Amino acid sequence: MKLWCVIAVLALSAPAFAQRPAHSKYPDGTGDPDTITCRTPQTLPGQRLLGPEVCKLNSQWALLRKNGQDISADGSQIIPDPKNSAVTPMNCTTAGGGATSGGATVCH
């Protein structure tokens, strides 16, 4: 009887074990927004060593790409996406203001 219980528990939990993160050299967030995709390790700048694998939800990768951003090779910071040349830098100026206030920052 115990053997059947063990087999039943394993059979019911098999789908949970089968779900593994997807891997990509350049995850762009396509697919199910709730699926985890891992970026393969990248070479650290000025070194021959690889940084860590970076894993995020597809929805997070999509937001990064939409904003023209990426994760650094060491996985520690958000950086401009070197592959996204379509994003133009914002031109920000200060508009208005008086003697006591600095005005509002306006970006185009």
PDB file of N, CA and C in Angstrom:
ATOM      1  N   MET A   1       0.819  -1.194   0.000  1.00  0.00           N
ATOM      2  CA  MET A   1       0.000   0.000   0.000  1.00  0.00           C
ATOM      3  C   MET A   1       0.865   1.262   0.000  1.00  0.00           C
ATOM      4  N   LYS A   2       1.945   1.231   0.790  1.00  0.00           N
ATOM      5  CA  LYS A   2       2.832   2.386   0.830  1.00  0.00           C
ATOM      6  C   LYS A   2       3.461   2.638  -0.532  1.00  0.00           C
ATOM      7  N   LEU A   3       3.798   1.570  -1.251  1.00  0.00           N
ATOM      8  CA  LEU A   3       4.405   1.702  -2.574  1.00  0.00           C
ATOM      9  C   LEU A   3       3.460   2.426  -3.524  1.00  0.00           C
ATOM     10  N   TRP A   4       2.175   2.098  -3.472  1.00  0.00           N
ATOM     11  CA  TRP A   4       1.197   2.765  -4.349  1.00  0.00           C
ATOM     12  C   TRP A   4       1.065   4.238  -4.006  1.00  0.00           C
ATOM     13  N   CYS A   5       1.145   4.582  -2.733  1.00  0.00           N
ATOM     14  CA  CYS A   5       1.074   5.992  -2.328  1.00  0.00           C
ATOM     15  C   CYS A   5       2.269   6.764  -2.865  1.00  0.00           C
ATOM     16  N   VAL A   6       3.443   6.168  -2.774  1.00  0.00           N
ATOM     17  CA  VAL A   6       4.652   6.809  -3.285  1.00  0.00           C
ATOM     18  C   VAL A   6       4.561   7.001  -4.798  1.00  0.00           C
ATOM     19  N   ILE A   7       4.095   5.988  -5.502  1.00  0.00           N
ATOM     20  CA  ILE A   7       3.957   6.077  -6.959  1.00  0.00           C
ATOM     21  C   ILE A   7       2.939   7.159  -7.328  1.00  0.00           C
ATOM     22  N   ALA A   8       1.841   7.233  -6.602  1.00  0.00           N
ATOM     23  CA  ALA A   8       0.813   8.243  -6.882  1.00  0.00           C
ATOM     24  C   ALA A   8       1.350   9.649  -6.651  1.00  0.00           C
ATOM     25  N   VAL A   9       2.087   9.857  -5.572  1.00  0.00           N
ATOM     26  CA  VAL A   9       2.654  11.176  -5.278  1.00  0.00           C
ATOM     27  C   VAL A   9       3.666  11.566  -6.355  1.00  0.00           C
ATOM     28  N   LEU A  10       4.524  10.654  -6.751  1.00  0.00           N
ATOM     29  CA  LEU A  10       5.507  10.948  -7.795  1.00  0.00           C
ATOM     30  C   LEU A  10       4.838  11.245  -9.134  1.00  0.00           C
ATOM     31  N   ALA A  11       3.797  10.504  -9.462  1.00  0.00           N
ATOM     32  CA  ALA A  11       3.096  10.716 -10.735  1.00  0.00           C
ATOM     33  C   ALA A  11       2.414  12.077 -10.761  1.00  0.00           C
ATOM     34  N   LEU A  12       1.845  12.494  -9.644  1.00  0.00           N
ATOM     35  CA  LEU A  12       1.164  13.783  -9.591  1.00  0.00           C
ATOM     36  C   LEU A  12       2.142  14.953  -9.568  1.00  0.00           C
ATOM     37  N   SER A  13       3.333  14.747  -9.041  1.00  0.00           N
ATOM     38  CA  SER A  13       4.303  15.839  -8.960  1.00  0.00           C
ATOM     39  C   SER A  13       5.248  15.875 -10.156  1.00  0.00           C
ATOM     40  N   ALA A  14       5.149  14.944 -11.075  1.00  0.00           N
ATOM     41  CA  ALA A  14       6.047  14.892 -12.233  1.00  0.00           C
ATOM     42  C   ALA A  14       6.017  16.161 -13.078  1.00  0.00           C
ATOM     43  N   PRO A  15       4.846  16.773 -13.352  1.00  0.00           N
ATOM     44  CA  PRO A  15       4.859  18.002 -14.148  1.00  0.00           C
ATOM     45  C   PRO A  15       5.653  19.130 -13.497  1.00  0.00           C
ATOM     46  N   ALA A  16       5.660  19.202 -12.168  1.00  0.00           N
ATOM     47  CA  ALA A  16       6.418  20.253 -11.489  1.00  0.00           C
ATOM     48  C   ALA A  16       7.922  20.060 -11.685  1.00  0.00           C
ATOM     49  N   PHE A  17       8.367  18.811 -11.706  1.00  0.00           N
ATOM     50  CA  PHE A  17       9.782  18.544 -11.922  1.00  0.00           C
ATOM     51  C   PHE A  17      10.181  18.774 -13.374  1.00  0.00           C
ATOM     52  N   ALA A  18       9.248  18.652 -14.290  1.00  0.00           N
ATOM     53  CA  ALA A  18       9.550  18.777 -15.714  1.00  0.00           C
ATOM     54  C   ALA A  18       9.751  20.228 -16.142  1.00  0.00           C
ATOM     55  N   GLN A  19       9.250  21.194 -15.374  1.00  0.00           N
ATOM     56  CA  GLN A  19       9.371  22.593 -15.749  1.00  0.00           C
ATOM     57  C   GLN A  19      10.755  23.108 -15.389  1.00  0.00           C
ATOM     58  N   ARG A  20      11.541  23.352 -16.404  1.00  0.00           N
ATOM     59  CA  ARG A  20      12.881  23.902 -16.213  1.00  0.00           C
ATOM     60  C   ARG A  20      12.946  25.224 -16.950  1.00  0.00           C
ATOM     61  N   PRO A  21      13.764  26.145 -16.470  1.00  0.00           N
ATOM     62  CA  PRO A  21      13.853  27.427 -17.162  1.00  0.00           C
ATOM     63  C   PRO A  21      14.389  27.257 -18.585  1.00  0.00           C
ATOM     64  N   ALA A  22      13.892  28.091 -19.475  1.00  0.00           N
ATOM     65  CA  ALA A  22      14.419  28.128 -20.837  1.00  0.00           C
ATOM     66  C   ALA A  22      15.744  28.878 -20.797  1.00  0.00           C
ATOM     67  N   HIS A  23      16.607  28.645 -21.773  1.00  0.00           N
ATOM     68  CA  HIS A  23      17.901  29.326 -21.848  1.00  0.00           C
ATOM     69  C   HIS A  23      18.029  30.026 -23.186  1.00  0.00           C
ATOM     70  N   SER A  24      18.670  31.193 -23.174  1.00  0.00           N
ATOM     71  CA  SER A  24      18.864  31.965 -24.387  1.00  0.00           C
ATOM     72  C   SER A  24      20.091  32.851 -24.229  1.00  0.00           C
ATOM     73  N   LYS A  25      20.799  33.086 -25.339  1.00  0.00           N
ATOM     74  CA  LYS A  25      21.921  34.022 -25.297  1.00  0.00           C
ATOM     75  C   LYS A  25      21.423  35.456 -25.181  1.00  0.00           C
ATOM     76  N   TYR A  26      20.228  35.709 -25.740  1.00  0.00           N
ATOM     77  CA  TYR A  26      19.652  37.046 -25.728  1.00  0.00           C
ATOM     78  C   TYR A  26      18.145  36.944 -25.488  1.00  0.00           C
ATOM     79  N   PRO A  27      17.723  36.752 -24.227  1.00  0.00           N
ATOM     80  CA  PRO A  27      16.294  36.645 -23.956  1.00  0.00           C
ATOM     81  C   PRO A  27      15.592  37.966 -24.248  1.00  0.00           C
ATOM     82  N   ASP A  28      14.465  37.892 -24.965  1.00  0.00           N
ATOM     83  CA  ASP A  28      13.755  39.118 -25.330  1.00  0.00           C
ATOM     84  C   ASP A  28      12.345  39.183 -24.756  1.00  0.00           C
ATOM     85  N   GLY A  29      11.956  38.192 -23.973  1.00  0.00           N
ATOM     86  CA  GLY A  29      10.661  38.232 -23.321  1.00  0.00           C
ATOM     87  C   GLY A  29       9.522  37.632 -24.110  1.00  0.00           C
ATOM     88  N   THR A  30       9.813  37.040 -25.271  1.00  0.00           N
ATOM     89  CA  THR A  30       8.739  36.428 -26.039  1.00  0.00           C
ATOM     90  C   THR A  30       8.270  35.154 -25.344  1.00  0.00           C
ATOM     91  N   GLY A  31       7.030  34.807 -25.582  1.00  0.00           N
ATOM     92  CA  GLY A  31       6.467  33.613 -24.966  1.00  0.00           C
ATOM     93  C   GLY A  31       5.629  33.948 -23.752  1.00  0.00           C
ATOM     94  N   ASP A  32       5.369  32.947 -22.945  1.00  0.00           N
ATOM     95  CA  ASP A  32       4.552  33.102 -21.747  1.00  0.00           C
ATOM     96  C   ASP A  32       5.222  34.083 -20.788  1.00  0.00           C
ATOM     97  N   PRO A  33       4.535  35.163 -20.400  1.00  0.00           N
ATOM     98  CA  PRO A  33       5.144  36.166 -19.512  1.00  0.00           C
ATOM     99  C   PRO A  33       5.544  35.606 -18.147  1.00  0.00           C
ATOM    100  N   ASP A  34       4.919  34.502 -17.732  1.00  0.00           N
ATOM    101  CA  ASP A  34       5.212  33.926 -16.417  1.00  0.00           C
ATOM    102  C   ASP A  34       6.255  32.818 -16.458  1.00  0.00           C
ATOM    103  N   THR A  35       6.857  32.583 -17.620  1.00  0.00           N
ATOM    104  CA  THR A  35       7.902  31.569 -17.748  1.00  0.00           C
ATOM    105  C   THR A  35       9.253  32.203 -17.452  1.00  0.00           C
ATOM    106  N   ILE A  36      10.099  31.463 -16.770  1.00  0.00           N
ATOM    107  CA  ILE A  36      11.450  31.944 -16.463  1.00  0.00           C
ATOM    108  C   ILE A  36      12.377  31.596 -17.623  1.00  0.00           C
ATOM    109  N   THR A  37      13.139  32.592 -18.074  1.00  0.00           N
ATOM    110  CA  THR A  37      14.158  32.378 -19.091  1.00  0.00           C
ATOM    111  C   THR A  37      15.488  32.845 -18.523  1.00  0.00           C
ATOM    112  N   CYS A  38      16.523  32.040 -18.715  1.00  0.00           N
ATOM    113  CA  CYS A  38      17.853  32.360 -18.211  1.00  0.00           C
ATOM    114  C   CYS A  38      18.770  32.739 -19.367  1.00  0.00           C
ATOM    115  N   ARG A  39      19.508  33.825 -19.162  1.00  0.00           N
ATOM    116  CA  ARG A  39      20.527  34.202 -20.135  1.00  0.00           C
ATOM    117  C   ARG A  39      21.784  33.405 -19.809  1.00  0.00           C
ATOM    118  N   THR A  40      22.372  32.824 -20.841  1.00  0.00           N
ATOM    119  CA  THR A  40      23.589  32.047 -20.625  1.00  0.00           C
ATOM    120  C   THR A  40      24.695  32.973 -20.117  1.00  0.00           C
ATOM    121  N   PRO A  41      25.640  32.444 -19.349  1.00  0.00           N
ATOM    122  CA  PRO A  41      26.717  33.277 -18.817  1.00  0.00           C
ATOM    123  C   PRO A  41      27.480  34.004 -19.926  1.00  0.00           C
ATOM    124  N   GLN A  42      27.843  35.249 -19.641  1.00  0.00           N
ATOM    125  CA  GLN A  42      28.588  36.077 -20.588  1.00  0.00           C
ATOM    126  C   GLN A  42      30.002  36.331 -20.061  1.00  0.00           C
ATOM    127  N   THR A  43      30.910  36.576 -20.983  1.00  0.00           N
ATOM    128  CA  THR A  43      32.288  36.878 -20.597  1.00  0.00           C
ATOM    129  C   THR A  43      32.327  38.228 -19.890  1.00  0.00           C
ATOM    130  N   LEU A  44      32.988  38.270 -18.749  1.00  0.00           N
ATOM    131  CA  LEU A  44      33.118  39.514 -18.013  1.00  0.00           C
ATOM    132  C   LEU A  44      34.075  40.454 -18.744  1.00  0.00           C
ATOM    133  N   PRO A  45      33.797  41.755 -18.774  1.00  0.00           N
ATOM    134  CA  PRO A  45      34.659  42.695 -19.481  1.00  0.00           C
ATOM    135  C   PRO A  45      36.100  42.649 -18.973  1.00  0.00           C
ATOM    136  N   GLY A  46      37.038  42.559 -19.909  1.00  0.00           N
ATOM    137  CA  GLY A  46      38.461  42.551 -19.564  1.00  0.00           C
ATOM    138  C   GLY A  46      38.953  41.265 -18.928  1.00  0.00           C
ATOM    139  N   GLN A  47      38.146  40.214 -18.960  1.00  0.00           N
ATOM    140  CA  GLN A  47      38.533  38.953 -18.342  1.00  0.00           C
ATOM    141  C   GLN A  47      38.186  37.794 -19.263  1.00  0.00           C
ATOM    142  N   ARG A  48      38.677  36.639 -18.910  1.00  0.00           N
ATOM    143  CA  ARG A  48      38.288  35.434 -19.637  1.00  0.00           C
ATOM    144  C   ARG A  48      37.257  34.628 -18.858  1.00  0.00           C
ATOM    145  N   LEU A  49      36.881  35.132 -17.715  1.00  0.00           N
ATOM    146  CA  LEU A  49      35.923  34.445 -16.860  1.00  0.00           C
ATOM    147  C   LEU A  49      34.494  34.761 -17.295  1.00  0.00           C
ATOM    148  N   LEU A  50      33.594  33.833 -16.997  1.00  0.00           N
ATOM    149  CA  LEU A  50      32.188  34.041 -17.285  1.00  0.00           C
ATOM    150  C   LEU A  50      31.468  34.542 -16.044  1.00  0.00           C
ATOM    151  N   GLY A  51      30.496  35.412 -16.266  1.00  0.00           N
ATOM    152  CA  GLY A  51      29.645  35.869 -15.185  1.00  0.00           C
ATOM    153  C   GLY A  51      28.588  34.817 -14.881  1.00  0.00           C
ATOM    154  N   PRO A  52      27.654  35.150 -14.018  1.00  0.00           N
ATOM    155  CA  PRO A  52      26.628  34.177 -13.640  1.00  0.00           C
ATOM    156  C   PRO A  52      25.528  34.060 -14.699  1.00  0.00           C
ATOM    157  N   GLU A  53      24.786  32.991 -14.621  1.00  0.00           N
ATOM    158  CA  GLU A  53      23.574  32.845 -15.408  1.00  0.00           C
ATOM    159  C   GLU A  53      22.556  33.812 -14.798  1.00  0.00           C
ATOM    160  N   VAL A  54      21.850  34.575 -15.628  1.00  0.00           N
ATOM    161  CA  VAL A  54      20.861  35.540 -15.133  1.00  0.00           C
ATOM    162  C   VAL A  54      19.481  35.045 -15.544  1.00  0.00           C
ATOM    163  N   CYS A  55      18.610  34.815 -14.563  1.00  0.00           N
ATOM    164  CA  CYS A  55      17.265  34.291 -14.822  1.00  0.00           C
ATOM    165  C   CYS A  55      16.216  35.315 -14.409  1.00  0.00           C
ATOM    166  N   LYS A  56      15.247  35.540 -15.303  1.00  0.00           N
ATOM    167  CA  LYS A  56      14.144  36.462 -15.046  1.00  0.00           C
ATOM    168  C   LYS A  56      12.886  35.930 -15.713  1.00  0.00           C
ATOM    169  N   LEU A  57      11.748  36.441 -15.282  1.00  0.00           N
ATOM    170  CA  LEU A  57      10.500  36.133 -15.961  1.00  0.00           C
ATOM    171  C   LEU A  57      10.526  36.753 -17.357  1.00  0.00           C
ATOM    172  N   ASN A  58       9.846  36.140 -18.304  1.00  0.00           N
ATOM    173  CA  ASN A  58       9.771  36.717 -19.647  1.00  0.00           C
ATOM    174  C   ASN A  58       9.205  38.130 -19.608  1.00  0.00           C
ATOM    175  N   SER A  59       8.261  38.394 -18.706  1.00  0.00           N
ATOM    176  CA  SER A  59       7.700  39.741 -18.598  1.00  0.00           C
ATOM    177  C   SER A  59       8.774  40.752 -18.188  1.00  0.00           C
ATOM    178  N   GLN A  60       9.721  40.330 -17.343  1.00  0.00           N
ATOM    179  CA  GLN A  60      10.809  41.222 -16.938  1.00  0.00           C
ATOM    180  C   GLN A  60      11.791  41.447 -18.082  1.00  0.00           C
ATOM    181  N   TRP A  61      12.116  40.375 -18.839  1.00  0.00           N
ATOM    182  CA  TRP A  61      12.997  40.536 -19.999  1.00  0.00           C
ATOM    183  C   TRP A  61      12.350  41.463 -21.026  1.00  0.00           C
ATOM    184  N   ALA A  62      11.042  41.303 -21.254  1.00  0.00           N
ATOM    185  CA  ALA A  62      10.342  42.140 -22.235  1.00  0.00           C
ATOM    186  C   ALA A  62      10.391  43.609 -21.829  1.00  0.00           C
ATOM    187  N   LEU A  63      10.212  43.900 -20.542  1.00  0.00           N
ATOM    188  CA  LEU A  63      10.264  45.280 -20.073  1.00  0.00           C
ATOM    189  C   LEU A  63      11.660  45.866 -20.243  1.00  0.00           C
ATOM    190  N   LEU A  64      12.680  45.068 -19.926  1.00  0.00           N
ATOM    191  CA  LEU A  64      14.054  45.548 -20.129  1.00  0.00           C
ATOM    192  C   LEU A  64      14.292  45.892 -21.595  1.00  0.00           C
ATOM    193  N   ARG A  65      13.903  45.002 -22.503  1.00  0.00           N
ATOM    194  CA  ARG A  65      14.117  45.229 -23.939  1.00  0.00           C
ATOM    195  C   ARG A  65      13.328  46.428 -24.432  1.00  0.00           C
ATOM    196  N   LYS A  66      12.092  46.568 -23.938  1.00  0.00           N
ATOM    197  CA  LYS A  66      11.254  47.709 -24.333  1.00  0.00           C
ATOM    198  C   LYS A  66      11.918  49.029 -23.945  1.00  0.00           C
ATOM    199  N   ASN A  67      12.596  49.029 -22.807  1.00  0.00           N
ATOM    200  CA  ASN A  67      13.263  50.237 -22.324  1.00  0.00           C
ATOM    201  C   ASN A  67      14.691  50.369 -22.834  1.00  0.00           C
ATOM    202  N   GLY A  68      15.104  49.477 -23.756  1.00  0.00           N
ATOM    203  CA  GLY A  68      16.456  49.548 -24.299  1.00  0.00           C
ATOM    204  C   GLY A  68      17.518  49.202 -23.271  1.00  0.00           C
ATOM    205  N   GLN A  69      17.206  48.234 -22.399  1.00  0.00           N
ATOM    206  CA  GLN A  69      18.119  47.885 -21.321  1.00  0.00           C
ATOM    207  C   GLN A  69      18.500  46.411 -21.368  1.00  0.00           C
ATOM    208  N   ASP A  70      19.565  46.096 -20.640  1.00  0.00           N
ATOM    209  CA  ASP A  70      20.051  44.727 -20.499  1.00  0.00           C
ATOM    210  C   ASP A  70      20.603  44.588 -19.088  1.00  0.00           C
ATOM    211  N   ILE A  71      21.039  43.396 -18.739  1.00  0.00           N
ATOM    212  CA  ILE A  71      21.689  43.142 -17.457  1.00  0.00           C
ATOM    213  C   ILE A  71      23.180  42.982 -17.733  1.00  0.00           C
ATOM    214  N   SER A  72      24.005  43.582 -16.902  1.00  0.00           N
ATOM    215  CA  SER A  72      25.452  43.495 -17.091  1.00  0.00           C
ATOM    216  C   SER A  72      25.922  42.046 -17.039  1.00  0.00           C
ATOM    217  N   ALA A  73      27.103  41.792 -17.597  1.00  0.00           N
ATOM    218  CA  ALA A  73      27.645  40.429 -17.657  1.00  0.00           C
ATOM    219  C   ALA A  73      27.809  39.818 -16.267  1.00  0.00           C
ATOM    220  N   ASP A  74      28.083  40.662 -15.263  1.00  0.00           N
ATOM    221  CA  ASP A  74      28.237  40.128 -13.906  1.00  0.00           C
ATOM    222  C   ASP A  74      26.892  40.008 -13.180  1.00  0.00           C
ATOM    223  N   GLY A  75      25.796  40.426 -13.846  1.00  0.00           N
ATOM    224  CA  GLY A  75      24.461  40.287 -13.282  1.00  0.00           C
ATOM    225  C   GLY A  75      24.113  41.274 -12.198  1.00  0.00           C
ATOM    226  N   SER A  76      24.937  42.310 -11.991  1.00  0.00           N
ATOM    227  CA  SER A  76      24.729  43.196 -10.861  1.00  0.00           C
ATOM    228  C   SER A  76      23.976  44.482 -11.179  1.00  0.00           C
ATOM    229  N   GLN A  77      23.876  44.871 -12.454  1.00  0.00           N
ATOM    230  CA  GLN A  77      23.240  46.147 -12.763  1.00  0.00           C
ATOM    231  C   GLN A  77      22.500  46.135 -14.089  1.00  0.00           C
ATOM    232  N   ILE A  78      21.581  47.080 -14.205  1.00  0.00           N
ATOM    233  CA  ILE A  78      20.875  47.291 -15.463  1.00  0.00           C
ATOM    234  C   ILE A  78      21.701  48.274 -16.280  1.00  0.00           C
ATOM    235  N   ILE A  79      21.961  47.915 -17.533  1.00  0.00           N
ATOM    236  CA  ILE A  79      22.798  48.734 -18.416  1.00  0.00           C
ATOM    237  C   ILE A  79      22.056  48.991 -19.729  1.00  0.00           C
ATOM    238  N   PRO A  80      22.514  49.960 -20.527  1.00  0.00           N
ATOM    239  CA  PRO A  80      21.923  50.127 -21.858  1.00  0.00           C
ATOM    240  C   PRO A  80      22.148  48.865 -22.685  1.00  0.00           C
ATOM    241  N   ASP A  81      21.152  48.493 -23.466  1.00  0.00           N
ATOM    242  CA  ASP A  81      21.228  47.289 -24.289  1.00  0.00           C
ATOM    243  C   ASP A  81      22.150  47.544 -25.473  1.00  0.00           C
ATOM    244  N   PRO A  82      23.305  46.868 -25.526  1.00  0.00           N
ATOM    245  CA  PRO A  82      24.238  47.115 -26.631  1.00  0.00           C
ATOM    246  C   PRO A  82      23.702  46.657 -27.983  1.00  0.00           C
ATOM    247  N   LYS A  83      22.704  45.780 -28.006  1.00  0.00           N
ATOM    248  CA  LYS A  83      22.158  45.287 -29.272  1.00  0.00           C
ATOM    249  C   LYS A  83      21.001  46.128 -29.777  1.00  0.00           C
ATOM    250  N   ASN A  84      20.482  47.018 -28.962  1.00  0.00           N
ATOM    251  CA  ASN A  84      19.308  47.799 -29.344  1.00  0.00           C
ATOM    252  C   ASN A  84      19.748  49.184 -29.789  1.00  0.00           C
ATOM    253  N   SER A  85      20.024  49.340 -31.069  1.00  0.00           N
ATOM    254  CA  SER A  85      20.457  50.628 -31.589  1.00  0.00           C
ATOM    255  C   SER A  85      19.280  51.518 -31.949  1.00  0.00           C
ATOM    256  N   ALA A  86      18.048  51.005 -31.877  1.00  0.00           N
ATOM    257  CA  ALA A  86      16.873  51.785 -32.241  1.00  0.00           C
ATOM    258  C   ALA A  86      16.486  52.789 -31.157  1.00  0.00           C
ATOM    259  N   VAL A  87      16.980  52.580 -29.951  1.00  0.00           N
ATOM    260  CA  VAL A  87      16.630  53.477 -28.860  1.00  0.00           C
ATOM    261  C   VAL A  87      17.513  54.706 -28.928  1.00  0.00           C
ATOM    262  N   THR A  88      16.883  55.866 -28.964  1.00  0.00           N
ATOM    263  CA  THR A  88      17.644  57.107 -28.990  1.00  0.00           C
ATOM    264  C   THR A  88      17.690  57.687 -27.588  1.00  0.00           C
ATOM    265  N   PRO A  89      18.800  58.317 -27.219  1.00  0.00           N
ATOM    266  CA  PRO A  89      18.873  58.888 -25.883  1.00  0.00           C
ATOM    267  C   PRO A  89      17.878  60.035 -25.736  1.00  0.00           C
ATOM    268  N   MET A  90      17.389  60.209 -24.529  1.00  0.00           N
ATOM    269  CA  MET A  90      16.425  61.276 -24.277  1.00  0.00           C
ATOM    270  C   MET A  90      17.145  62.609 -24.152  1.00  0.00           C
ATOM    271  N   ASN A  91      16.497  63.646 -24.645  1.00  0.00           N
ATOM    272  CA  ASN A  91      17.013  64.995 -24.543  1.00  0.00           C
ATOM    273  C   ASN A  91      16.231  65.690 -23.442  1.00  0.00           C
ATOM    274  N   CYS A  92      16.856  65.947 -22.311  1.00  0.00           N
ATOM    275  CA  CYS A  92      16.167  66.527 -21.160  1.00  0.00           C
ATOM    276  C   CYS A  92      16.627  67.958 -20.934  1.00  0.00           C
ATOM    277  N   THR A  93      15.658  68.836 -20.646  1.00  0.00           N
ATOM    278  CA  THR A  93      15.944  70.235 -20.349  1.00  0.00           C
ATOM    279  C   THR A  93      15.109  70.659 -19.153  1.00  0.00           C
ATOM    280  N   THR A  94      15.456  71.781 -18.563  1.00  0.00           N
ATOM    281  CA  THR A  94      14.679  72.340 -17.473  1.00  0.00           C
ATOM    282  C   THR A  94      13.819  73.462 -18.024  1.00  0.00           C
ATOM    283  N   ALA A  95      12.525  73.402 -17.729  1.00  0.00           N
ATOM    284  CA  ALA A  95      11.604  74.417 -18.229  1.00  0.00           C
ATOM    285  C   ALA A  95      10.923  75.110 -17.071  1.00  0.00           C
ATOM    286  N   GLY A  96      10.730  76.394 -17.216  1.00  0.00           N
ATOM    287  CA  GLY A  96      10.013  77.171 -16.197  1.00  0.00           C
ATOM    288  C   GLY A  96      10.858  77.404 -14.979  1.00  0.00           C
ATOM    289  N   GLY A  97      10.205  77.648 -13.880  1.00  0.00           N
ATOM    290  CA  GLY A  97      10.915  77.904 -12.635  1.00  0.00           C
ATOM    291  C   GLY A  97      11.062  79.385 -12.380  1.00  0.00           C
ATOM    292  N   GLY A  98      11.320  79.699 -11.182  1.00  0.00           N
ATOM    293  CA  GLY A  98      11.482  81.101 -10.813  1.00  0.00           C
ATOM    294  C   GLY A  98      12.689  81.249  -9.917  1.00  0.00           C
ATOM    295  N   ALA A  99      12.642  82.270  -9.077  1.00  0.00           N
ATOM    296  CA  ALA A  99      13.777  82.566  -8.198  1.00  0.00           C
ATOM    297  C   ALA A  99      13.977  81.491  -7.136  1.00  0.00           C
ATOM    298  N   THR A 100      12.909  80.803  -6.752  1.00  0.00           N
ATOM    299  CA  THR A 100      13.039  79.832  -5.664  1.00  0.00           C
ATOM    300  C   THR A 100      12.913  78.386  -6.115  1.00  0.00           C
ATOM    301  N   SER A 101      12.448  78.172  -7.336  1.00  0.00           N
ATOM    302  CA  SER A 101      12.310  76.781  -7.777  1.00  0.00           C
ATOM    303  C   SER A 101      13.134  76.556  -9.036  1.00  0.00           C
ATOM    304  N   GLY A 102      13.556  75.324  -9.217  1.00  0.00           N
ATOM    305  CA  GLY A 102      14.388  75.007 -10.359  1.00  0.00           C
ATOM    306  C   GLY A 102      13.618  74.678 -11.616  1.00  0.00           C
ATOM    307  N   GLY A 103      12.303  74.702 -11.545  1.00  0.00           N
ATOM    308  CA  GLY A 103      11.491  74.375 -12.722  1.00  0.00           C
ATOM    309  C   GLY A 103      11.279  72.884 -12.834  1.00  0.00           C
ATOM    310  N   ALA A 104      10.746  72.487 -13.969  1.00  0.00           N
ATOM    311  CA  ALA A 104      10.423  71.080 -14.200  1.00  0.00           C
ATOM    312  C   ALA A 104      11.353  70.523 -15.267  1.00  0.00           C
ATOM    313  N   THR A 105      11.767  69.290 -15.090  1.00  0.00           N
ATOM    314  CA  THR A 105      12.591  68.621 -16.090  1.00  0.00           C
ATOM    315  C   THR A 105      11.664  68.045 -17.148  1.00  0.00           C
ATOM    316  N   VAL A 106      11.923  68.376 -18.407  1.00  0.00           N
ATOM    317  CA  VAL A 106      11.124  67.896 -19.527  1.00  0.00           C
ATOM    318  C   VAL A 106      12.043  67.099 -20.450  1.00  0.00           C
ATOM    319  N   CYS A 107      11.649  65.868 -20.748  1.00  0.00           N
ATOM    320  CA  CYS A 107      12.457  65.017 -21.607  1.00  0.00           C
ATOM    321  C   CYS A 107      11.710  64.727 -22.906  1.00  0.00           C
ATOM    322  N   HIS A 108      12.415  64.763 -24.015  1.00  0.00           N
ATOM    323  CA  HIS A 108      11.833  64.481 -25.336  1.00  0.00           C
ATOM    324  C   HIS A 108      12.503  63.278 -25.923  1.00  0.00           C
TER     325      HIS A 108
END
